[in-house]
Amino acid sequence: MVYALDHVESTEELAKMLMENIEKERTPGYVIARLYLVSDILYNCAASSGVVKGWTIRTEFESYLPEIFEYLNSVFTTESGKLTSASLTEAVDKVIKMWDEKAIYDSKFTNGLKASFSRPKEFTLSFIRSTAEKLKDPEKAKKDPKRAYIFPKLIEVEQYLREEYKDNAETLEKKCRLNGVSTKGTFDEVITRMLNLEYQVLKEEYSELKKKEREKREKKEEEAKAAEGEMEVQLIALRNRLMDIQKLYLGIDSESIDGSPITAEDINLLDLSRDLLSGRGTTDIEADVEDTIDGVELTPEEIQYLKGHEDEVFITIEVPINSECAMKDKPVSAQQCLL
């Protein structure tokens, strides 16, 4: 690393040598060690480091990094073992994070490097097309909404890239370099890498979309709960107000009677008693013509008699009454009995 910083004039040869050195070995530990070496060199020639012509080193390595990360991808996808994959992923994440923090390269470039490294082995043009075709089936799209959102868009991007760059290789190469994508290989291979970059963008876009939908749904649920709680508070207040009015009307309070709390049944009985005492009680004679008194059906004469005395109320109630009311042959009004 010190040699690289002391010999800035030889940066191009040094970058090429490191690239060739990395590609000679597929042992993950060896590859990771060389990646850290490249990272140390870049870290110490950042704009804030004060190294003379540090930008020269950054520029030379920038031209080789897309190929380095393509090679890392080949190791990542071919070398078996979860430990290998985890070690490589951890190393790549560390160096990319450090480069972003030190602003060594533009985030668009480092995002492209990371996308190149993590591209699945099966991510090919044929896979993209076949997946998009399958997801035209509404049932399959319903089962896999994420891919149903992403892959039709990838087909549109592929068509755009082919139309835009089929006769303009130089512009395509420049676009790839700016986005940290390797230009090695055939036109289809380069298009696949660009589609992989777009795939990463669409995944984040989909995740953000679902996040907003979830937040919107949660907000509605919270508002509904708040409205429900407010309604419950209003209903309780209304019920209490009605109870206060009823107590005021009946001339009672919340104190107990003979040690027993006042119940809704007590209030109903008191309400009935007040109606009877005030002469508001009535009997629907027409509705009761088929009824019986003490199990004996009413005769036509009795019904006629009752119709002529509709202003009187006939009740049977087990309450203390005036002795004058007891055992009388003629019916008396409830007011007379209760008084």
C-alpha atoms as a PDB file:
ATOM      1  CA  MET A   1       0.000   0.000   0.000  1.00  0.00           C
ATOM      2  CA  VAL A   2       2.792   2.425   0.918  1.00  0.00           C
ATOM      3  CA  TYR A   3       4.566   1.611  -2.350  1.00  0.00           C
ATOM      4  CA  ALA A   4       1.419   2.485  -4.313  1.00  0.00           C
ATOM      5  CA  LEU A   5       1.103   5.820  -2.546  1.00  0.00           C
ATOM      6  CA  ASP A   6       4.783   6.619  -3.050  1.00  0.00           C
ATOM      7  CA  HIS A   7       4.716   5.772  -6.756  1.00  0.00           C
ATOM      8  CA  VAL A   8       1.598   7.502  -8.043  1.00  0.00           C
ATOM      9  CA  GLU A   9       3.184   7.748 -11.492  1.00  0.00           C
ATOM     10  CA  SER A  10       3.005   3.952 -11.755  1.00  0.00           C
ATOM     11  CA  THR A  11      -0.640   3.675 -10.699  1.00  0.00           C
ATOM     12  CA  GLU A  12      -1.858   2.302 -14.050  1.00  0.00           C
ATOM     13  CA  GLU A  13       0.617  -0.580 -13.991  1.00  0.00           C
ATOM     14  CA  LEU A  14      -0.089  -1.225 -10.304  1.00  0.00           C
ATOM     15  CA  ALA A  15      -3.871  -1.356 -10.820  1.00  0.00           C
ATOM     16  CA  LYS A  16      -3.483  -3.734 -13.774  1.00  0.00           C
ATOM     17  CA  MET A  17      -1.091  -5.940 -11.794  1.00  0.00           C
ATOM     18  CA  LEU A  18      -3.490  -6.185  -8.840  1.00  0.00           C
ATOM     19  CA  MET A  19      -6.353  -7.039 -11.189  1.00  0.00           C
ATOM     20  CA  GLU A  20      -4.376  -9.840 -12.797  1.00  0.00           C
ATOM     21  CA  ASN A  21      -3.210 -11.025  -9.369  1.00  0.00           C
ATOM     22  CA  ILE A  22      -6.762 -11.301  -8.061  1.00  0.00           C
ATOM     23  CA  GLU A  23      -7.940 -13.286 -11.095  1.00  0.00           C
ATOM     24  CA  LYS A  24      -5.151 -15.849 -10.676  1.00  0.00           C
ATOM     25  CA  GLU A  25      -6.620 -17.243  -7.487  1.00  0.00           C
ATOM     26  CA  ARG A  26     -10.171 -18.385  -6.672  1.00  0.00           C
ATOM     27  CA  THR A  27      -9.571 -19.109  -2.993  1.00  0.00           C
ATOM     28  CA  PRO A  28     -12.059 -16.832  -1.171  1.00  0.00           C
ATOM     29  CA  GLY A  29      -9.568 -15.917   1.565  1.00  0.00           C
ATOM     30  CA  TYR A  30      -6.982 -14.854  -0.993  1.00  0.00           C
ATOM     31  CA  VAL A  31      -9.530 -12.832  -2.987  1.00  0.00           C
ATOM     32  CA  ILE A  32     -10.791 -11.080   0.158  1.00  0.00           C
ATOM     33  CA  ALA A  33      -7.225 -10.179   1.189  1.00  0.00           C
ATOM     34  CA  ARG A  34      -6.551  -8.573  -2.210  1.00  0.00           C
ATOM     35  CA  LEU A  35      -9.866  -6.714  -2.032  1.00  0.00           C
ATOM     36  CA  TYR A  36      -8.880  -5.245   1.324  1.00  0.00           C
ATOM     37  CA  LEU A  37      -5.512  -4.216  -0.149  1.00  0.00           C
ATOM     38  CA  VAL A  38      -7.259  -2.309  -2.943  1.00  0.00           C
ATOM     39  CA  SER A  39      -9.566  -0.728  -0.374  1.00  0.00           C
ATOM     40  CA  ASP A  40      -6.650   0.407   1.821  1.00  0.00           C
ATOM     41  CA  ILE A  41      -4.989   2.072  -1.143  1.00  0.00           C
ATOM     42  CA  LEU A  42      -8.210   3.901  -2.094  1.00  0.00           C
ATOM     43  CA  TYR A  43      -8.914   4.876   1.526  1.00  0.00           C
ATOM     44  CA  ASN A  44      -5.502   6.502   1.908  1.00  0.00           C
ATOM     45  CA  CYS A  45      -5.789   8.459  -1.327  1.00  0.00           C
ATOM     46  CA  ALA A  46      -9.203   9.923  -0.567  1.00  0.00           C
ATOM     47  CA  ALA A  47      -9.638  13.658  -1.143  1.00  0.00           C
ATOM     48  CA  SER A  48      -9.334  14.316   2.597  1.00  0.00           C
ATOM     49  CA  SER A  49      -6.109  12.323   2.995  1.00  0.00           C
ATOM     50  CA  GLY A  50      -3.813  14.956   1.522  1.00  0.00           C
ATOM     51  CA  VAL A  51      -2.005  12.503  -0.780  1.00  0.00           C
ATOM     52  CA  VAL A  52      -0.559  14.296  -3.770  1.00  0.00           C
ATOM     53  CA  LYS A  53      -2.395  13.322  -6.965  1.00  0.00           C
ATOM     54  CA  GLY A  54      -4.568  10.890  -5.016  1.00  0.00           C
ATOM     55  CA  TRP A  55      -7.266  11.425  -7.643  1.00  0.00           C
ATOM     56  CA  THR A  56      -4.970   9.695 -10.160  1.00  0.00           C
ATOM     57  CA  ILE A  57      -5.013   6.469  -8.158  1.00  0.00           C
ATOM     58  CA  ARG A  58      -8.805   6.636  -7.738  1.00  0.00           C
ATOM     59  CA  THR A  59      -9.317   7.192 -11.470  1.00  0.00           C
ATOM     60  CA  GLU A  60      -7.055   4.299 -12.528  1.00  0.00           C
ATOM     61  CA  PHE A  61      -8.626   1.829 -10.090  1.00  0.00           C
ATOM     62  CA  GLU A  62     -12.110   2.977 -11.144  1.00  0.00           C
ATOM     63  CA  SER A  63     -11.541   1.562 -14.619  1.00  0.00           C
ATOM     64  CA  TYR A  64     -10.658  -1.878 -13.193  1.00  0.00           C
ATOM     65  CA  LEU A  65     -13.133  -2.180 -10.312  1.00  0.00           C
ATOM     66  CA  PRO A  66     -16.153  -3.298 -12.434  1.00  0.00           C
ATOM     67  CA  GLU A  67     -14.095  -6.254 -13.728  1.00  0.00           C
ATOM     68  CA  ILE A  68     -12.834  -7.019 -10.196  1.00  0.00           C
ATOM     69  CA  PHE A  69     -16.399  -7.190  -8.877  1.00  0.00           C
ATOM     70  CA  GLU A  70     -17.509  -9.332 -11.813  1.00  0.00           C
ATOM     71  CA  TYR A  71     -14.761 -11.744 -10.829  1.00  0.00           C
ATOM     72  CA  LEU A  72     -15.882 -11.618  -7.204  1.00  0.00           C
ATOM     73  CA  ASN A  73     -19.373 -12.511  -8.441  1.00  0.00           C
ATOM     74  CA  SER A  74     -18.042 -15.582 -10.243  1.00  0.00           C
ATOM     75  CA  VAL A  75     -16.363 -16.722  -7.019  1.00  0.00           C
ATOM     76  CA  PHE A  76     -19.494 -15.919  -5.028  1.00  0.00           C
ATOM     77  CA  THR A  77     -21.796 -17.947  -7.309  1.00  0.00           C
ATOM     78  CA  THR A  78     -19.508 -20.939  -7.970  1.00  0.00           C
ATOM     79  CA  GLU A  79     -17.698 -21.573  -4.693  1.00  0.00           C
ATOM     80  CA  SER A  80     -20.053 -23.647  -2.537  1.00  0.00           C
ATOM     81  CA  GLY A  81     -20.607 -23.148   1.150  1.00  0.00           C
ATOM     82  CA  LYS A  82     -22.544 -20.662   3.240  1.00  0.00           C
ATOM     83  CA  LEU A  83     -19.360 -19.615   5.056  1.00  0.00           C
ATOM     84  CA  THR A  84     -17.709 -18.634   1.775  1.00  0.00           C
ATOM     85  CA  SER A  85     -20.720 -16.611   0.650  1.00  0.00           C
ATOM     86  CA  ALA A  86     -21.037 -14.924   4.028  1.00  0.00           C
ATOM     87  CA  SER A  87     -17.330 -14.006   4.148  1.00  0.00           C
ATOM     88  CA  LEU A  88     -17.321 -12.510   0.667  1.00  0.00           C
ATOM     89  CA  THR A  89     -20.562 -10.621   1.278  1.00  0.00           C
ATOM     90  CA  GLU A  90     -19.243  -9.190   4.535  1.00  0.00           C
ATOM     91  CA  ALA A  91     -16.001  -8.044   2.880  1.00  0.00           C
ATOM     92  CA  VAL A  92     -17.802  -6.398  -0.033  1.00  0.00           C
ATOM     93  CA  ASP A  93     -20.272  -4.657   2.279  1.00  0.00           C
ATOM     94  CA  LYS A  94     -17.446  -3.284   4.404  1.00  0.00           C
ATOM     95  CA  VAL A  95     -15.416  -1.824   1.552  1.00  0.00           C
ATOM     96  CA  ILE A  96     -18.463  -0.369  -0.237  1.00  0.00           C
ATOM     97  CA  LYS A  97     -19.641   1.242   2.988  1.00  0.00           C
ATOM     98  CA  MET A  98     -16.213   2.741   3.611  1.00  0.00           C
ATOM     99  CA  TRP A  99     -15.960   4.090   0.060  1.00  0.00           C
ATOM    100  CA  ASP A 100     -19.376   5.692   0.403  1.00  0.00           C
ATOM    101  CA  GLU A 101     -18.525   7.263   3.768  1.00  0.00           C
ATOM    102  CA  LYS A 102     -15.254   8.682   2.433  1.00  0.00           C
ATOM    103  CA  ALA A 103     -16.948   9.716  -0.842  1.00  0.00           C
ATOM    104  CA  ILE A 104     -14.193   7.991  -2.800  1.00  0.00           C
ATOM    105  CA  TYR A 105     -16.641   7.237  -5.628  1.00  0.00           C
ATOM    106  CA  ASP A 106     -20.136   8.357  -6.551  1.00  0.00           C
ATOM    107  CA  SER A 107     -22.900   6.268  -4.948  1.00  0.00           C
ATOM    108  CA  LYS A 108     -24.239   5.363  -8.401  1.00  0.00           C
ATOM    109  CA  PHE A 109     -20.893   3.736  -9.176  1.00  0.00           C
ATOM    110  CA  THR A 110     -20.631   1.830  -5.874  1.00  0.00           C
ATOM    111  CA  ASN A 111     -24.260   0.663  -6.154  1.00  0.00           C
ATOM    112  CA  GLY A 112     -23.399  -0.805  -9.535  1.00  0.00           C
ATOM    113  CA  LEU A 113     -20.367  -2.613  -8.081  1.00  0.00           C
ATOM    114  CA  LYS A 114     -22.465  -4.123  -5.317  1.00  0.00           C
ATOM    115  CA  ALA A 115     -25.192  -5.159  -7.769  1.00  0.00           C
ATOM    116  CA  SER A 116     -22.605  -6.841  -9.987  1.00  0.00           C
ATOM    117  CA  PHE A 117     -21.232  -8.802  -7.047  1.00  0.00           C
ATOM    118  CA  SER A 118     -24.625 -10.024  -5.791  1.00  0.00           C
ATOM    119  CA  ARG A 119     -26.165 -10.908  -9.212  1.00  0.00           C
ATOM    120  CA  PRO A 120     -27.641 -14.448  -9.020  1.00  0.00           C
ATOM    121  CA  LYS A 121     -26.139 -17.039 -11.359  1.00  0.00           C
ATOM    122  CA  GLU A 122     -29.546 -17.777 -12.905  1.00  0.00           C
ATOM    123  CA  PHE A 123     -30.166 -14.110 -13.747  1.00  0.00           C
ATOM    124  CA  THR A 124     -30.005 -14.313 -17.549  1.00  0.00           C
ATOM    125  CA  LEU A 125     -32.017 -12.846 -20.412  1.00  0.00           C
ATOM    126  CA  SER A 126     -33.848 -16.128 -20.926  1.00  0.00           C
ATOM    127  CA  PHE A 127     -34.748 -16.230 -17.234  1.00  0.00           C
ATOM    128  CA  ILE A 128     -36.060 -12.657 -17.330  1.00  0.00           C
ATOM    129  CA  ARG A 129     -38.181 -13.301 -20.426  1.00  0.00           C
ATOM    130  CA  SER A 130     -39.596 -16.635 -19.267  1.00  0.00           C
ATOM    131  CA  THR A 131     -40.447 -15.238 -15.835  1.00  0.00           C
ATOM    132  CA  ALA A 132     -42.203 -12.199 -17.337  1.00  0.00           C
ATOM    133  CA  GLU A 133     -44.162 -14.500 -19.638  1.00  0.00           C
ATOM    134  CA  LYS A 134     -45.299 -16.749 -16.785  1.00  0.00           C
ATOM    135  CA  LEU A 135     -46.436 -13.772 -14.735  1.00  0.00           C
ATOM    136  CA  LYS A 136     -48.924 -12.785 -17.450  1.00  0.00           C
ATOM    137  CA  ASP A 137     -51.131 -15.415 -15.796  1.00  0.00           C
ATOM    138  CA  PRO A 138     -53.204 -13.463 -13.210  1.00  0.00           C
ATOM    139  CA  GLU A 139     -53.149 -16.374 -10.742  1.00  0.00           C
ATOM    140  CA  LYS A 140     -49.352 -16.649 -10.836  1.00  0.00           C
ATOM    141  CA  ALA A 141     -48.983 -12.874 -10.614  1.00  0.00           C
ATOM    142  CA  LYS A 142     -51.244 -12.857  -7.566  1.00  0.00           C
ATOM    143  CA  LYS A 143     -49.057 -15.461  -5.842  1.00  0.00           C
ATOM    144  CA  ASP A 144     -45.837 -13.535  -6.548  1.00  0.00           C
ATOM    145  CA  PRO A 145     -46.713  -9.800  -6.561  1.00  0.00           C
ATOM    146  CA  LYS A 146     -43.100  -8.678  -6.194  1.00  0.00           C
ATOM    147  CA  ARG A 147     -41.928 -10.342  -9.397  1.00  0.00           C
ATOM    148  CA  ALA A 148     -45.185  -9.371 -11.091  1.00  0.00           C
ATOM    149  CA  TYR A 149     -44.255  -5.759 -10.396  1.00  0.00           C
ATOM    150  CA  ILE A 150     -40.566  -6.047 -11.417  1.00  0.00           C
ATOM    151  CA  PHE A 151     -40.205  -8.360 -14.412  1.00  0.00           C
ATOM    152  CA  PRO A 152     -42.638  -6.710 -16.861  1.00  0.00           C
ATOM    153  CA  LYS A 153     -40.711  -3.482 -16.254  1.00  0.00           C
ATOM    154  CA  LEU A 154     -37.410  -5.286 -16.957  1.00  0.00           C
ATOM    155  CA  ILE A 155     -38.768  -6.345 -20.354  1.00  0.00           C
ATOM    156  CA  GLU A 156     -39.556  -2.693 -21.113  1.00  0.00           C
ATOM    157  CA  VAL A 157     -36.045  -1.633 -20.017  1.00  0.00           C
ATOM    158  CA  GLU A 158     -34.453  -4.340 -22.188  1.00  0.00           C
ATOM    159  CA  GLN A 159     -36.348  -3.095 -25.232  1.00  0.00           C
ATOM    160  CA  TYR A 160     -35.277   0.465 -24.496  1.00  0.00           C
ATOM    161  CA  LEU A 161     -31.585  -0.482 -24.059  1.00  0.00           C
ATOM    162  CA  ARG A 162     -31.535  -2.438 -27.311  1.00  0.00           C
ATOM    163  CA  GLU A 163     -33.145   0.358 -29.286  1.00  0.00           C
ATOM    164  CA  GLU A 164     -30.992   3.043 -27.666  1.00  0.00           C
ATOM    165  CA  TYR A 165     -27.556   1.352 -27.793  1.00  0.00           C
ATOM    166  CA  LYS A 166     -27.604  -1.310 -30.514  1.00  0.00           C
ATOM    167  CA  ASP A 167     -25.666   0.991 -32.847  1.00  0.00           C
ATOM    168  CA  ASN A 168     -23.942   3.065 -30.196  1.00  0.00           C
ATOM    169  CA  ALA A 169     -21.473   0.876 -28.314  1.00  0.00           C
ATOM    170  CA  GLU A 170     -19.372   3.815 -27.163  1.00  0.00           C
ATOM    171  CA  THR A 171     -22.295   5.498 -25.369  1.00  0.00           C
ATOM    172  CA  LEU A 172     -23.293   2.183 -23.778  1.00  0.00           C
ATOM    173  CA  GLU A 173     -19.750   1.649 -22.512  1.00  0.00           C
ATOM    174  CA  LYS A 174     -19.713   5.116 -20.964  1.00  0.00           C
ATOM    175  CA  LYS A 175     -23.052   4.476 -19.269  1.00  0.00           C
ATOM    176  CA  CYS A 176     -21.751   1.186 -17.881  1.00  0.00           C
ATOM    177  CA  ARG A 177     -18.595   2.793 -16.507  1.00  0.00           C
ATOM    178  CA  LEU A 178     -20.590   5.492 -14.728  1.00  0.00           C
ATOM    179  CA  ASN A 179     -22.770   2.811 -13.135  1.00  0.00           C
ATOM    180  CA  GLY A 180     -19.965   0.456 -12.081  1.00  0.00           C
ATOM    181  CA  VAL A 181     -20.900  -2.201 -14.663  1.00  0.00           C
ATOM    182  CA  SER A 182     -18.346  -4.254 -16.612  1.00  0.00           C
ATOM    183  CA  THR A 183     -18.361  -3.916 -20.409  1.00  0.00           C
ATOM    184  CA  LYS A 184     -16.588  -7.210 -21.052  1.00  0.00           C
ATOM    185  CA  GLY A 185     -18.383  -9.862 -23.100  1.00  0.00           C
ATOM    186  CA  THR A 186     -21.149  -9.778 -25.711  1.00  0.00           C
ATOM    187  CA  PHE A 187     -23.829  -7.140 -26.152  1.00  0.00           C
ATOM    188  CA  ASP A 188     -26.404  -9.467 -24.509  1.00  0.00           C
ATOM    189  CA  GLU A 189     -24.110  -9.984 -21.508  1.00  0.00           C
ATOM    190  CA  VAL A 190     -23.734  -6.237 -21.031  1.00  0.00           C
ATOM    191  CA  ILE A 191     -27.515  -5.758 -21.379  1.00  0.00           C
ATOM    192  CA  THR A 192     -28.026  -8.463 -18.729  1.00  0.00           C
ATOM    193  CA  ARG A 193     -25.731  -6.611 -16.309  1.00  0.00           C
ATOM    194  CA  MET A 194     -27.610  -3.362 -16.902  1.00  0.00           C
ATOM    195  CA  LEU A 195     -30.908  -5.170 -16.318  1.00  0.00           C
ATOM    196  CA  ASN A 196     -29.523  -6.566 -13.071  1.00  0.00           C
ATOM    197  CA  LEU A 197     -28.760  -3.021 -11.967  1.00  0.00           C
ATOM    198  CA  GLU A 198     -32.313  -2.015 -12.853  1.00  0.00           C
ATOM    199  CA  TYR A 199     -33.577  -5.072 -10.984  1.00  0.00           C
ATOM    200  CA  GLN A 200     -31.928  -3.821  -7.774  1.00  0.00           C
ATOM    201  CA  VAL A 201     -33.519  -0.400  -8.251  1.00  0.00           C
ATOM    202  CA  LEU A 202     -36.972  -1.914  -8.837  1.00  0.00           C
ATOM    203  CA  LYS A 203     -36.642  -4.105  -5.735  1.00  0.00           C
ATOM    204  CA  GLU A 204     -36.013  -1.035  -3.598  1.00  0.00           C
ATOM    205  CA  GLU A 205     -38.834   0.782  -5.367  1.00  0.00           C
ATOM    206  CA  TYR A 206     -41.240  -2.094  -4.649  1.00  0.00           C
ATOM    207  CA  SER A 207     -40.165  -2.277  -1.003  1.00  0.00           C
ATOM    208  CA  GLU A 208     -40.720   1.463  -0.607  1.00  0.00           C
ATOM    209  CA  LEU A 209     -44.127   1.173  -2.254  1.00  0.00           C
ATOM    210  CA  LYS A 210     -45.207  -1.640   0.094  1.00  0.00           C
ATOM    211  CA  LYS A 211     -43.853   0.314   3.052  1.00  0.00           C
ATOM    212  CA  LYS A 212     -46.002   3.315   2.145  1.00  0.00           C
ATOM    213  CA  GLU A 213     -49.048   1.078   1.683  1.00  0.00           C
ATOM    214  CA  ARG A 214     -48.423  -0.505   5.076  1.00  0.00           C
ATOM    215  CA  GLU A 215     -47.996   2.900   6.738  1.00  0.00           C
ATOM    216  CA  LYS A 216     -51.182   4.149   5.083  1.00  0.00           C
ATOM    217  CA  ARG A 217     -53.087   1.066   6.244  1.00  0.00           C
ATOM    218  CA  GLU A 218     -51.752   1.378   9.787  1.00  0.00           C
ATOM    219  CA  LYS A 219     -52.670   5.064   9.844  1.00  0.00           C
ATOM    220  CA  LYS A 220     -56.241   4.242   8.822  1.00  0.00           C
ATOM    221  CA  GLU A 221     -56.459   1.563  11.485  1.00  0.00           C
ATOM    222  CA  GLU A 222     -55.185   4.008  14.119  1.00  0.00           C
ATOM    223  CA  GLU A 223     -57.671   6.645  12.985  1.00  0.00           C
ATOM    224  CA  ALA A 224     -60.493   4.088  13.107  1.00  0.00           C
ATOM    225  CA  LYS A 225     -59.491   3.051  16.628  1.00  0.00           C
ATOM    226  CA  ALA A 226     -59.280   6.674  17.714  1.00  0.00           C
ATOM    227  CA  ALA A 227     -62.728   7.394  16.230  1.00  0.00           C
ATOM    228  CA  GLU A 228     -64.120   4.284  17.909  1.00  0.00           C
ATOM    229  CA  GLY A 229     -62.639   5.366  21.232  1.00  0.00           C
ATOM    230  CA  GLU A 230     -64.033   8.881  20.818  1.00  0.00           C
ATOM    231  CA  MET A 231     -67.447   7.477  19.998  1.00  0.00           C
ATOM    232  CA  GLU A 232     -67.332   5.256  23.063  1.00  0.00           C
ATOM    233  CA  VAL A 233     -66.450   8.266  25.224  1.00  0.00           C
ATOM    234  CA  GLN A 234     -69.359  10.225  23.742  1.00  0.00           C
ATOM    235  CA  LEU A 235     -71.762   7.309  24.297  1.00  0.00           C
ATOM    236  CA  ILE A 236     -70.676   6.997  27.930  1.00  0.00           C
ATOM    237  CA  ALA A 237     -71.132  10.740  28.414  1.00  0.00           C
ATOM    238  CA  LEU A 238     -74.573  10.575  26.775  1.00  0.00           C
ATOM    239  CA  ARG A 239     -75.615   7.606  28.898  1.00  0.00           C
ATOM    240  CA  ASN A 240     -74.487   9.384  32.059  1.00  0.00           C
ATOM    241  CA  ARG A 241     -76.376  12.501  31.007  1.00  0.00           C
ATOM    242  CA  LEU A 242     -79.546  10.482  30.387  1.00  0.00           C
ATOM    243  CA  MET A 243     -79.187   8.835  33.788  1.00  0.00           C
ATOM    244  CA  ASP A 244     -78.819  12.256  35.400  1.00  0.00           C
ATOM    245  CA  ILE A 245     -81.973  13.480  33.657  1.00  0.00           C
ATOM    246  CA  GLN A 246     -83.888  10.355  34.669  1.00  0.00           C
ATOM    247  CA  LYS A 247     -82.745  10.660  38.272  1.00  0.00           C
ATOM    248  CA  LEU A 248     -83.754  14.307  38.292  1.00  0.00           C
ATOM    249  CA  TYR A 249     -87.149  13.462  36.800  1.00  0.00           C
ATOM    250  CA  LEU A 250     -87.779  10.683  39.327  1.00  0.00           C
ATOM    251  CA  GLY A 251     -86.501  12.748  42.219  1.00  0.00           C
ATOM    252  CA  ILE A 252     -83.876  10.210  43.220  1.00  0.00           C
ATOM    253  CA  ASP A 253     -80.125  10.201  43.541  1.00  0.00           C
ATOM    254  CA  SER A 254     -77.417   7.601  43.358  1.00  0.00           C
ATOM    255  CA  GLU A 255     -77.774   6.680  47.044  1.00  0.00           C
ATOM    256  CA  SER A 256     -78.941   3.186  47.904  1.00  0.00           C
ATOM    257  CA  ILE A 257     -82.407   2.343  49.190  1.00  0.00           C
ATOM    258  CA  ASP A 258     -82.391   0.263  52.386  1.00  0.00           C
ATOM    259  CA  GLY A 259     -78.738  -0.558  51.746  1.00  0.00           C
ATOM    260  CA  SER A 260     -79.378  -1.940  48.219  1.00  0.00           C
ATOM    261  CA  PRO A 261     -78.010  -0.109  45.165  1.00  0.00           C
ATOM    262  CA  ILE A 262     -80.568   1.340  42.776  1.00  0.00           C
ATOM    263  CA  THR A 263     -80.924  -0.862  39.673  1.00  0.00           C
ATOM    264  CA  ALA A 264     -82.437  -0.260  36.241  1.00  0.00           C
ATOM    265  CA  GLU A 265     -85.429  -2.368  37.346  1.00  0.00           C
ATOM    266  CA  ASP A 266     -85.944  -0.100  40.378  1.00  0.00           C
ATOM    267  CA  ILE A 267     -85.945   2.934  38.104  1.00  0.00           C
ATOM    268  CA  ASN A 268     -88.521   1.334  35.757  1.00  0.00           C
ATOM    269  CA  LEU A 269     -90.834   0.521  38.691  1.00  0.00           C
ATOM    270  CA  LEU A 270     -90.484   4.045  40.058  1.00  0.00           C
ATOM    271  CA  ASP A 271     -91.264   5.429  36.618  1.00  0.00           C
ATOM    272  CA  LEU A 272     -94.412   3.261  36.406  1.00  0.00           C
ATOM    273  CA  SER A 273     -95.514   4.309  39.897  1.00  0.00           C
ATOM    274  CA  ARG A 274     -95.132   8.003  39.048  1.00  0.00           C
ATOM    275  CA  ASP A 275     -97.238   7.558  35.895  1.00  0.00           C
ATOM    276  CA  LEU A 276     -99.969   5.793  37.876  1.00  0.00           C
ATOM    277  CA  LEU A 277     -99.964   8.412  40.633  1.00  0.00           C
ATOM    278  CA  SER A 278    -100.184  11.217  38.096  1.00  0.00           C
ATOM    279  CA  GLY A 279    -103.155   9.564  36.346  1.00  0.00           C
ATOM    280  CA  ARG A 280    -101.205   8.930  33.127  1.00  0.00           C
ATOM    281  CA  GLY A 281    -101.628   5.142  33.274  1.00  0.00           C
ATOM    282  CA  THR A 282    -103.972   3.664  30.646  1.00  0.00           C
ATOM    283  CA  THR A 283    -105.299   0.288  29.630  1.00  0.00           C
ATOM    284  CA  ASP A 284    -105.752  -0.699  26.004  1.00  0.00           C
ATOM    285  CA  ILE A 285    -109.248  -2.242  26.234  1.00  0.00           C
ATOM    286  CA  GLU A 286    -109.361  -3.193  22.555  1.00  0.00           C
ATOM    287  CA  ALA A 287    -106.154  -5.155  22.850  1.00  0.00           C
ATOM    288  CA  ASP A 288    -107.266  -6.957  25.989  1.00  0.00           C
ATOM    289  CA  VAL A 289    -110.793  -8.093  25.008  1.00  0.00           C
ATOM    290  CA  GLU A 290    -109.564 -11.663  24.531  1.00  0.00           C
ATOM    291  CA  ASP A 291    -107.717 -11.760  27.868  1.00  0.00           C
ATOM    292  CA  THR A 292    -108.857 -13.443  30.997  1.00  0.00           C
ATOM    293  CA  ILE A 293    -109.074 -12.344  34.586  1.00  0.00           C
ATOM    294  CA  ASP A 294    -107.847 -14.955  37.034  1.00  0.00           C
ATOM    295  CA  GLY A 295    -108.189 -17.597  34.317  1.00  0.00           C
ATOM    296  CA  VAL A 296    -111.850 -16.782  33.503  1.00  0.00           C
ATOM    297  CA  GLU A 297    -112.633 -15.424  30.081  1.00  0.00           C
ATOM    298  CA  LEU A 298    -114.410 -12.061  29.950  1.00  0.00           C
ATOM    299  CA  THR A 299    -118.091 -12.076  29.022  1.00  0.00           C
ATOM    300  CA  PRO A 300    -119.561  -9.636  26.506  1.00  0.00           C
ATOM    301  CA  GLU A 301    -121.189  -7.752  29.395  1.00  0.00           C
ATOM    302  CA  GLU A 302    -117.846  -7.456  31.228  1.00  0.00           C
ATOM    303  CA  ILE A 303    -116.110  -6.227  28.094  1.00  0.00           C
ATOM    304  CA  GLN A 304    -118.875  -3.644  27.592  1.00  0.00           C
ATOM    305  CA  TYR A 305    -118.483  -2.543  31.194  1.00  0.00           C
ATOM    306  CA  LEU A 306    -114.736  -2.138  30.804  1.00  0.00           C
ATOM    307  CA  LYS A 307    -115.145  -0.059  27.652  1.00  0.00           C
ATOM    308  CA  GLY A 308    -117.352   2.295  29.628  1.00  0.00           C
ATOM    309  CA  HIS A 309    -114.705   2.743  32.302  1.00  0.00           C
ATOM    310  CA  GLU A 310    -111.533   3.264  30.219  1.00  0.00           C
ATOM    311  CA  ASP A 311    -110.378   6.064  32.523  1.00  0.00           C
ATOM    312  CA  GLU A 312    -109.892   3.591  35.340  1.00  0.00           C
ATOM    313  CA  VAL A 313    -106.889   1.271  35.639  1.00  0.00           C
ATOM    314  CA  PHE A 314    -107.243  -2.302  36.825  1.00  0.00           C
ATOM    315  CA  ILE A 315    -104.087  -3.754  38.330  1.00  0.00           C
ATOM    316  CA  THR A 316    -103.044  -6.424  40.723  1.00  0.00           C
ATOM    317  CA  ILE A 317    -100.050  -5.304  42.776  1.00  0.00           C
ATOM    318  CA  GLU A 318     -98.670  -6.554  46.041  1.00  0.00           C
ATOM    319  CA  VAL A 319     -98.254  -3.260  47.872  1.00  0.00           C
ATOM    320  CA  PRO A 320     -99.810  -1.897  51.085  1.00  0.00           C
ATOM    321  CA  ILE A 321    -103.122  -0.199  50.204  1.00  0.00           C
ATOM    322  CA  ASN A 322    -105.828   1.640  52.062  1.00  0.00           C
ATOM    323  CA  SER A 323    -107.994  -0.706  54.069  1.00  0.00           C
ATOM    324  CA  GLU A 324    -110.972   0.828  52.311  1.00  0.00           C
ATOM    325  CA  CYS A 325    -109.784  -0.685  49.044  1.00  0.00           C
ATOM    326  CA  ALA A 326    -109.574  -4.222  50.365  1.00  0.00           C
ATOM    327  CA  MET A 327    -112.182  -6.779  49.290  1.00  0.00           C
ATOM    328  CA  LYS A 328    -114.297  -4.174  47.441  1.00  0.00           C
ATOM    329  CA  ASP A 329    -116.682  -5.534  44.860  1.00  0.00           C
ATOM    330  CA  LYS A 330    -116.366  -2.563  42.529  1.00  0.00           C
ATOM    331  CA  PRO A 331    -113.078  -1.842  40.836  1.00  0.00           C
ATOM    332  CA  VAL A 332    -111.275   1.270  41.973  1.00  0.00           C
ATOM    333  CA  SER A 333    -108.622   3.424  40.342  1.00  0.00           C
ATOM    334  CA  ALA A 334    -104.973   2.772  41.024  1.00  0.00           C
ATOM    335  CA  GLN A 335    -104.654   6.256  42.457  1.00  0.00           C
ATOM    336  CA  GLN A 336    -107.300   5.515  45.062  1.00  0.00           C
ATOM    337  CA  CYS A 337    -105.636   2.239  46.051  1.00  0.00           C
ATOM    338  CA  LEU A 338    -102.084   3.601  46.202  1.00  0.00           C
ATOM    339  CA  LEU A 339    -103.170   6.584  48.218  1.00  0.00           C
END
